[in-house]
Amino acid sequence: MATVFETRLIGNIGKDAVIKTMERNLMAINFPVAHNKNWKDKRTGQTKTKTTWVNCTIWKREGSNMRIMDFLKKGTMVELIGSPFAKAYTVEEGGIKTEIRLNVSSTNILRPVNRDGDYSPEDLIDKEDDDSIENSLEDFTIDESDF
């Protein structure tokens, strides 16, 4: 029986996305997303926020439409769907750090950053089917050897 482990994340991009070229004609588009949880402290009445950072990756084949890069900018609010996993590594000081990662399968730009007035939310909708963002976000299987 097949199983599904999928997560939906809504948050703001913390840094402009960067592209890393991998083996076998794959490219990884990497960017961190902040998810804020707000609550009111019952003792003090003070509003508190806890931020969880998720390092996200969109996988593309070399030669794919990369228009999504125009929108993966710091401050942009995104909705992402993908497969989550945790990664642990040793830091120079000898301690162990962990991070939450998300291999993104679906991207929705909720509120783009309008830094220079050069695009608006309407720009997210392409008039030509061949060039649309949805068509460029190809869904393909990633196996463990891709990491």
N, C-alpha and C. Protein backbone atom coordinates (compact mmCIF):
# COMPACT_ATOMS: atom_id res chain seq x y z
N MET A 1 0.83 -1.16 0.00
CA MET A 1 0.00 0.00 0.00
C MET A 1 0.89 1.24 0.00
N ALA A 2 0.59 2.19 -0.86
CA ALA A 2 1.35 3.43 -0.94
C ALA A 2 0.97 4.34 0.23
N THR A 3 1.94 5.13 0.68
CA THR A 3 1.69 6.09 1.74
C THR A 3 2.06 7.49 1.25
N VAL A 4 1.51 8.49 1.89
CA VAL A 4 1.80 9.87 1.54
C VAL A 4 2.19 10.62 2.79
N PHE A 5 3.28 11.35 2.72
CA PHE A 5 3.72 12.22 3.81
C PHE A 5 3.96 13.58 3.19
N GLU A 6 2.99 14.45 3.32
CA GLU A 6 3.02 15.73 2.64
C GLU A 6 2.67 16.84 3.63
N THR A 7 3.28 17.99 3.45
CA THR A 7 3.07 19.12 4.34
C THR A 7 2.72 20.37 3.54
N ARG A 8 1.84 21.18 4.10
CA ARG A 8 1.49 22.48 3.52
C ARG A 8 2.08 23.54 4.44
N LEU A 9 2.86 24.45 3.87
CA LEU A 9 3.55 25.48 4.62
C LEU A 9 3.19 26.84 4.04
N ILE A 10 2.74 27.76 4.90
CA ILE A 10 2.49 29.13 4.48
C ILE A 10 3.40 30.01 5.34
N GLY A 11 4.20 30.83 4.67
CA GLY A 11 5.11 31.70 5.39
C GLY A 11 5.79 32.67 4.46
N ASN A 12 6.75 33.42 5.00
CA ASN A 12 7.47 34.41 4.23
C ASN A 12 8.89 33.94 3.95
N ILE A 13 9.36 34.22 2.74
CA ILE A 13 10.71 33.85 2.35
C ILE A 13 11.69 34.75 3.10
N GLY A 14 12.73 34.14 3.69
CA GLY A 14 13.70 34.88 4.50
C GLY A 14 14.87 35.44 3.73
N LYS A 15 15.22 34.84 2.58
CA LYS A 15 16.33 35.30 1.73
C LYS A 15 15.95 35.00 0.29
N ASP A 16 16.47 35.79 -0.64
CA ASP A 16 16.25 35.50 -2.05
C ASP A 16 16.73 34.08 -2.36
N ALA A 17 16.00 33.39 -3.22
CA ALA A 17 16.35 32.02 -3.59
C ALA A 17 17.66 31.98 -4.37
N VAL A 18 18.40 30.89 -4.18
CA VAL A 18 19.65 30.67 -4.93
C VAL A 18 19.55 29.33 -5.64
N ILE A 19 20.24 29.24 -6.76
CA ILE A 19 20.24 28.01 -7.56
C ILE A 19 21.55 27.29 -7.37
N LYS A 20 21.47 25.99 -7.14
CA LYS A 20 22.66 25.15 -7.04
C LYS A 20 22.54 24.08 -8.12
N THR A 21 23.56 23.95 -8.96
CA THR A 21 23.56 22.94 -10.01
C THR A 21 24.05 21.63 -9.41
N MET A 22 23.29 20.58 -9.65
CA MET A 22 23.60 19.25 -9.11
C MET A 22 24.03 18.34 -10.26
N GLU A 23 24.31 17.10 -9.91
CA GLU A 23 24.64 16.09 -10.92
C GLU A 23 23.39 15.68 -11.68
N ARG A 24 23.57 15.02 -12.78
CA ARG A 24 22.49 14.47 -13.61
C ARG A 24 21.50 15.52 -14.09
N ASN A 25 22.02 16.70 -14.47
CA ASN A 25 21.20 17.78 -15.05
C ASN A 25 20.08 18.25 -14.13
N LEU A 26 20.29 18.20 -12.82
CA LEU A 26 19.31 18.71 -11.87
C LEU A 26 19.79 20.02 -11.28
N MET A 27 18.83 20.87 -10.97
CA MET A 27 19.12 22.13 -10.29
C MET A 27 18.25 22.21 -9.05
N ALA A 28 18.83 22.69 -7.96
CA ALA A 28 18.10 22.88 -6.71
C ALA A 28 17.93 24.38 -6.48
N ILE A 29 16.69 24.82 -6.33
CA ILE A 29 16.40 26.21 -5.98
C ILE A 29 16.14 26.21 -4.48
N ASN A 30 17.03 26.84 -3.72
CA ASN A 30 16.97 26.81 -2.26
C ASN A 30 16.60 28.18 -1.68
N PHE A 31 15.74 28.13 -0.66
CA PHE A 31 15.34 29.35 0.03
C PHE A 31 14.72 28.98 1.38
N PRO A 32 14.93 29.82 2.41
CA PRO A 32 14.33 29.57 3.72
C PRO A 32 12.97 30.25 3.83
N VAL A 33 12.04 29.60 4.53
CA VAL A 33 10.71 30.18 4.77
C VAL A 33 10.46 30.19 6.27
N ALA A 34 9.97 31.33 6.77
CA ALA A 34 9.66 31.48 8.19
C ALA A 34 8.17 31.27 8.41
N HIS A 35 7.86 30.41 9.38
CA HIS A 35 6.47 30.23 9.80
C HIS A 35 6.36 30.78 11.21
N ASN A 36 5.47 31.73 11.42
CA ASN A 36 5.29 32.35 12.74
C ASN A 36 4.04 31.83 13.41
N LYS A 37 4.19 31.42 14.66
CA LYS A 37 3.04 31.04 15.47
C LYS A 37 2.88 32.10 16.55
N ASN A 38 1.73 32.73 16.59
CA ASN A 38 1.45 33.79 17.57
C ASN A 38 0.46 33.28 18.61
N TRP A 39 0.66 33.71 19.87
CA TRP A 39 -0.27 33.37 20.94
C TRP A 39 -0.17 34.42 22.03
N LYS A 40 -1.14 34.41 22.90
CA LYS A 40 -1.17 35.35 24.02
C LYS A 40 -0.80 34.60 25.29
N ASP A 41 0.21 35.07 25.99
CA ASP A 41 0.66 34.47 27.24
C ASP A 41 -0.43 34.70 28.29
N LYS A 42 -0.93 33.61 28.88
CA LYS A 42 -2.04 33.71 29.85
C LYS A 42 -1.63 34.42 31.13
N ARG A 43 -0.37 34.31 31.53
CA ARG A 43 0.07 34.96 32.76
C ARG A 43 0.29 36.45 32.59
N THR A 44 0.94 36.84 31.48
CA THR A 44 1.31 38.25 31.31
C THR A 44 0.37 39.00 30.39
N GLY A 45 -0.41 38.28 29.59
CA GLY A 45 -1.29 38.93 28.62
C GLY A 45 -0.55 39.43 27.39
N GLN A 46 0.76 39.16 27.37
CA GLN A 46 1.61 39.63 26.28
C GLN A 46 1.49 38.71 25.06
N THR A 47 1.47 39.30 23.85
CA THR A 47 1.47 38.51 22.63
C THR A 47 2.88 38.02 22.37
N LYS A 48 3.02 36.72 22.09
CA LYS A 48 4.33 36.12 21.83
C LYS A 48 4.32 35.49 20.45
N THR A 49 5.50 35.36 19.89
CA THR A 49 5.67 34.76 18.57
C THR A 49 6.82 33.77 18.61
N LYS A 50 6.59 32.61 18.00
CA LYS A 50 7.67 31.64 17.82
C LYS A 50 7.83 31.44 16.32
N THR A 51 9.06 31.63 15.84
CA THR A 51 9.35 31.48 14.41
C THR A 51 10.06 30.16 14.18
N THR A 52 9.55 29.39 13.23
CA THR A 52 10.19 28.14 12.81
C THR A 52 10.66 28.35 11.38
N TRP A 53 11.94 28.10 11.15
CA TRP A 53 12.51 28.24 9.80
C TRP A 53 12.54 26.88 9.12
N VAL A 54 12.10 26.87 7.87
CA VAL A 54 12.10 25.65 7.05
C VAL A 54 12.92 25.95 5.80
N ASN A 55 13.95 25.14 5.55
CA ASN A 55 14.76 25.30 4.35
C ASN A 55 14.09 24.53 3.22
N CYS A 56 13.72 25.24 2.17
CA CYS A 56 12.92 24.67 1.08
C CYS A 56 13.75 24.50 -0.19
N THR A 57 13.42 23.46 -0.95
CA THR A 57 14.09 23.20 -2.22
C THR A 57 13.06 22.86 -3.28
N ILE A 58 13.16 23.56 -4.40
CA ILE A 58 12.39 23.21 -5.59
C ILE A 58 13.38 22.57 -6.55
N TRP A 59 13.08 21.37 -7.01
CA TRP A 59 13.96 20.66 -7.93
C TRP A 59 13.51 20.90 -9.36
N LYS A 60 14.47 21.21 -10.22
CA LYS A 60 14.20 21.45 -11.64
C LYS A 60 15.22 20.69 -12.47
N ARG A 61 14.81 20.37 -13.68
CA ARG A 61 15.75 19.81 -14.65
C ARG A 61 16.43 20.97 -15.37
N GLU A 62 17.68 20.77 -15.75
CA GLU A 62 18.38 21.79 -16.52
C GLU A 62 17.59 22.09 -17.79
N GLY A 63 17.46 23.35 -18.12
CA GLY A 63 16.70 23.75 -19.30
C GLY A 63 15.23 24.02 -19.02
N SER A 64 14.78 23.81 -17.77
CA SER A 64 13.39 24.08 -17.40
C SER A 64 13.14 25.58 -17.34
N ASN A 65 11.89 25.95 -17.40
CA ASN A 65 11.49 27.34 -17.24
C ASN A 65 11.83 27.76 -15.80
N MET A 66 12.56 28.85 -15.66
CA MET A 66 13.00 29.30 -14.34
C MET A 66 12.31 30.60 -13.92
N ARG A 67 11.16 30.90 -14.50
CA ARG A 67 10.45 32.15 -14.19
C ARG A 67 10.12 32.27 -12.70
N ILE A 68 9.96 31.17 -12.02
CA ILE A 68 9.64 31.19 -10.60
C ILE A 68 10.69 31.99 -9.81
N MET A 69 11.92 32.03 -10.31
CA MET A 69 12.99 32.78 -9.62
C MET A 69 12.66 34.27 -9.50
N ASP A 70 11.84 34.79 -10.43
CA ASP A 70 11.45 36.20 -10.37
C ASP A 70 10.62 36.51 -9.12
N PHE A 71 10.02 35.49 -8.52
CA PHE A 71 9.09 35.69 -7.42
C PHE A 71 9.59 35.17 -6.08
N LEU A 72 10.65 34.37 -6.07
CA LEU A 72 11.17 33.81 -4.83
C LEU A 72 12.16 34.78 -4.20
N LYS A 73 11.61 35.90 -3.71
CA LYS A 73 12.41 36.99 -3.14
C LYS A 73 12.10 37.14 -1.66
N LYS A 74 13.07 37.68 -0.93
CA LYS A 74 12.91 37.92 0.50
C LYS A 74 11.64 38.72 0.77
N GLY A 75 10.81 38.23 1.71
CA GLY A 75 9.59 38.91 2.10
C GLY A 75 8.34 38.40 1.41
N THR A 76 8.48 37.68 0.29
CA THR A 76 7.33 37.16 -0.43
C THR A 76 6.61 36.11 0.41
N MET A 77 5.28 36.22 0.50
CA MET A 77 4.51 35.20 1.21
C MET A 77 4.16 34.09 0.22
N VAL A 78 4.48 32.85 0.61
CA VAL A 78 4.26 31.70 -0.26
C VAL A 78 3.46 30.62 0.45
N GLU A 79 2.79 29.81 -0.35
CA GLU A 79 2.16 28.58 0.12
C GLU A 79 2.88 27.46 -0.61
N LEU A 80 3.44 26.54 0.15
CA LEU A 80 4.22 25.45 -0.42
C LEU A 80 3.65 24.11 0.03
N ILE A 81 3.67 23.14 -0.86
CA ILE A 81 3.28 21.78 -0.53
C ILE A 81 4.45 20.89 -0.93
N GLY A 82 4.81 19.96 -0.04
CA GLY A 82 5.93 19.09 -0.36
C GLY A 82 6.16 18.05 0.70
N SER A 83 7.27 17.34 0.53
CA SER A 83 7.66 16.26 1.45
C SER A 83 8.67 16.79 2.46
N PRO A 84 8.33 16.77 3.74
CA PRO A 84 9.26 17.26 4.76
C PRO A 84 10.24 16.18 5.20
N PHE A 85 11.41 16.63 5.67
CA PHE A 85 12.34 15.72 6.32
C PHE A 85 13.26 16.53 7.22
N ALA A 86 13.87 15.87 8.17
CA ALA A 86 14.79 16.53 9.09
C ALA A 86 16.21 16.10 8.74
N LYS A 87 17.14 17.00 8.96
CA LYS A 87 18.53 16.72 8.66
C LYS A 87 19.36 17.14 9.87
N ALA A 88 20.30 16.31 10.27
CA ALA A 88 21.19 16.63 11.38
C ALA A 88 22.62 16.67 10.86
N TYR A 89 23.42 17.59 11.41
CA TYR A 89 24.81 17.69 11.01
C TYR A 89 25.63 18.21 12.18
N THR A 90 26.94 17.96 12.11
CA THR A 90 27.85 18.39 13.17
C THR A 90 28.44 19.74 12.80
N VAL A 91 28.42 20.66 13.75
CA VAL A 91 29.00 21.99 13.53
C VAL A 91 30.44 21.99 14.00
N GLU A 92 31.19 23.03 13.61
CA GLU A 92 32.62 23.11 13.92
C GLU A 92 32.91 22.99 15.41
N GLU A 93 32.02 23.54 16.26
CA GLU A 93 32.24 23.50 17.70
C GLU A 93 32.03 22.10 18.27
N GLY A 94 31.60 21.16 17.44
CA GLY A 94 31.41 19.79 17.88
C GLY A 94 29.98 19.42 18.23
N GLY A 95 29.10 20.39 18.27
CA GLY A 95 27.70 20.11 18.58
C GLY A 95 26.94 19.62 17.35
N ILE A 96 25.73 19.17 17.59
CA ILE A 96 24.88 18.70 16.50
C ILE A 96 23.73 19.68 16.32
N LYS A 97 23.48 20.08 15.07
CA LYS A 97 22.37 20.96 14.74
C LYS A 97 21.40 20.17 13.88
N THR A 98 20.13 20.53 13.98
CA THR A 98 19.13 19.91 13.12
C THR A 98 18.40 21.01 12.36
N GLU A 99 17.85 20.63 11.22
CA GLU A 99 17.05 21.58 10.44
C GLU A 99 15.88 20.84 9.82
N ILE A 100 14.84 21.59 9.58
CA ILE A 100 13.67 21.06 8.90
C ILE A 100 13.80 21.45 7.44
N ARG A 101 13.59 20.49 6.54
CA ARG A 101 13.69 20.75 5.11
C ARG A 101 12.38 20.35 4.44
N LEU A 102 12.10 20.96 3.30
CA LEU A 102 10.89 20.64 2.54
C LEU A 102 11.26 20.55 1.07
N ASN A 103 11.04 19.37 0.47
CA ASN A 103 11.17 19.21 -0.97
C ASN A 103 9.84 19.61 -1.57
N VAL A 104 9.81 20.75 -2.24
CA VAL A 104 8.59 21.38 -2.70
C VAL A 104 8.07 20.73 -3.99
N SER A 105 6.78 20.38 -3.99
CA SER A 105 6.16 19.83 -5.19
C SER A 105 5.17 20.81 -5.80
N SER A 106 4.68 21.79 -5.00
CA SER A 106 3.72 22.77 -5.49
C SER A 106 3.98 24.11 -4.82
N THR A 107 3.96 25.18 -5.63
CA THR A 107 4.24 26.53 -5.14
C THR A 107 3.12 27.47 -5.53
N ASN A 108 2.70 28.29 -4.57
CA ASN A 108 1.70 29.31 -4.84
C ASN A 108 2.21 30.61 -4.21
N ILE A 109 2.37 31.65 -5.03
CA ILE A 109 2.80 32.95 -4.52
C ILE A 109 1.56 33.67 -4.01
N LEU A 110 1.50 33.91 -2.69
CA LEU A 110 0.33 34.55 -2.10
C LEU A 110 0.42 36.07 -2.11
N ARG A 111 1.61 36.58 -1.79
CA ARG A 111 1.79 38.03 -1.77
C ARG A 111 3.24 38.33 -2.15
N PRO A 112 3.45 38.70 -3.43
CA PRO A 112 4.83 39.01 -3.85
C PRO A 112 5.31 40.32 -3.26
N VAL A 113 6.62 40.45 -3.17
CA VAL A 113 7.23 41.69 -2.73
C VAL A 113 7.33 42.59 -3.94
N ASN A 114 6.89 43.82 -3.78
CA ASN A 114 6.93 44.78 -4.88
C ASN A 114 8.01 45.80 -4.57
N ARG A 115 9.28 45.41 -4.78
CA ARG A 115 10.41 46.26 -4.41
C ARG A 115 10.55 47.49 -5.30
N ASP A 116 10.50 47.30 -6.60
CA ASP A 116 10.76 48.41 -7.52
C ASP A 116 9.54 48.77 -8.35
N GLY A 117 8.39 48.25 -7.99
CA GLY A 117 7.20 48.52 -8.77
C GLY A 117 7.23 47.83 -10.12
N ASP A 118 8.11 46.81 -10.25
CA ASP A 118 8.27 46.19 -11.56
C ASP A 118 7.36 44.99 -11.80
N TYR A 119 6.62 44.53 -10.81
CA TYR A 119 5.63 43.48 -11.05
C TYR A 119 4.54 43.56 -10.00
N SER A 120 3.43 42.94 -10.31
CA SER A 120 2.28 42.95 -9.41
C SER A 120 1.71 41.54 -9.37
N PRO A 121 0.74 41.26 -8.48
CA PRO A 121 0.17 39.92 -8.41
C PRO A 121 -0.41 39.44 -9.75
N GLU A 122 -0.89 40.37 -10.58
CA GLU A 122 -1.44 39.97 -11.88
C GLU A 122 -0.36 39.39 -12.78
N ASP A 123 0.90 39.77 -12.56
CA ASP A 123 1.99 39.25 -13.38
C ASP A 123 2.22 37.76 -13.16
N LEU A 124 1.67 37.21 -12.06
CA LEU A 124 1.84 35.80 -11.79
C LEU A 124 1.03 34.94 -12.75
N ILE A 125 0.05 35.51 -13.41
CA ILE A 125 -0.81 34.75 -14.32
C ILE A 125 -0.32 35.00 -15.73
N ASP A 126 0.29 33.97 -16.32
CA ASP A 126 0.78 34.08 -17.68
C ASP A 126 -0.36 33.90 -18.66
N LYS A 127 -0.32 34.63 -19.72
CA LYS A 127 -1.36 34.53 -20.74
C LYS A 127 -1.11 33.36 -21.68
N GLU A 128 0.15 32.94 -21.80
CA GLU A 128 0.48 31.82 -22.69
C GLU A 128 0.65 30.56 -21.86
N ASP A 129 -0.08 29.51 -22.23
CA ASP A 129 -0.03 28.26 -21.47
C ASP A 129 1.36 27.67 -21.41
N ASP A 130 2.15 27.79 -22.48
CA ASP A 130 3.46 27.18 -22.51
C ASP A 130 4.39 27.75 -21.46
N ASP A 131 4.16 29.00 -21.07
CA ASP A 131 5.08 29.68 -20.18
C ASP A 131 4.57 29.82 -18.76
N SER A 132 3.42 29.24 -18.43
CA SER A 132 2.84 29.49 -17.12
C SER A 132 3.67 28.87 -16.00
N ILE A 133 3.55 29.48 -14.83
CA ILE A 133 4.31 28.99 -13.69
C ILE A 133 3.89 27.57 -13.35
N GLU A 134 2.59 27.28 -13.42
CA GLU A 134 2.13 25.93 -13.10
C GLU A 134 2.78 24.90 -14.03
N ASN A 135 2.90 25.22 -15.30
CA ASN A 135 3.52 24.29 -16.24
C ASN A 135 5.01 24.14 -15.98
N SER A 136 5.65 25.19 -15.45
CA SER A 136 7.09 25.12 -15.24
C SER A 136 7.45 24.37 -13.97
N LEU A 137 6.52 24.20 -13.05
CA LEU A 137 6.80 23.48 -11.82
C LEU A 137 6.51 22.00 -12.03
N GLU A 138 7.41 21.37 -12.78
CA GLU A 138 7.22 19.97 -13.12
C GLU A 138 7.29 19.12 -11.85
N ASP A 139 6.43 18.15 -11.78
CA ASP A 139 6.43 17.23 -10.66
C ASP A 139 7.19 15.98 -11.09
N PHE A 140 8.34 15.73 -10.48
CA PHE A 140 9.07 14.52 -10.81
C PHE A 140 9.62 13.90 -9.53
N THR A 141 9.85 12.62 -9.58
CA THR A 141 10.28 11.87 -8.41
C THR A 141 11.74 12.16 -8.10
N ILE A 142 12.02 12.35 -6.83
CA ILE A 142 13.38 12.57 -6.36
C ILE A 142 13.74 11.37 -5.50
N ASP A 143 14.84 10.72 -5.83
CA ASP A 143 15.24 9.62 -4.97
C ASP A 143 16.39 10.07 -4.07
N GLU A 144 16.71 9.25 -3.08
CA GLU A 144 17.66 9.63 -2.05
C GLU A 144 19.04 9.99 -2.62
N SER A 145 19.40 9.43 -3.76
CA SER A 145 20.72 9.73 -4.32
C SER A 145 20.81 11.16 -4.85
N ASP A 146 19.69 11.88 -4.92
CA ASP A 146 19.71 13.27 -5.39
C ASP A 146 20.17 14.25 -4.31
N PHE A 147 20.27 13.80 -3.07
CA PHE A 147 20.65 14.71 -1.99
C PHE A 147 22.14 14.66 -1.73
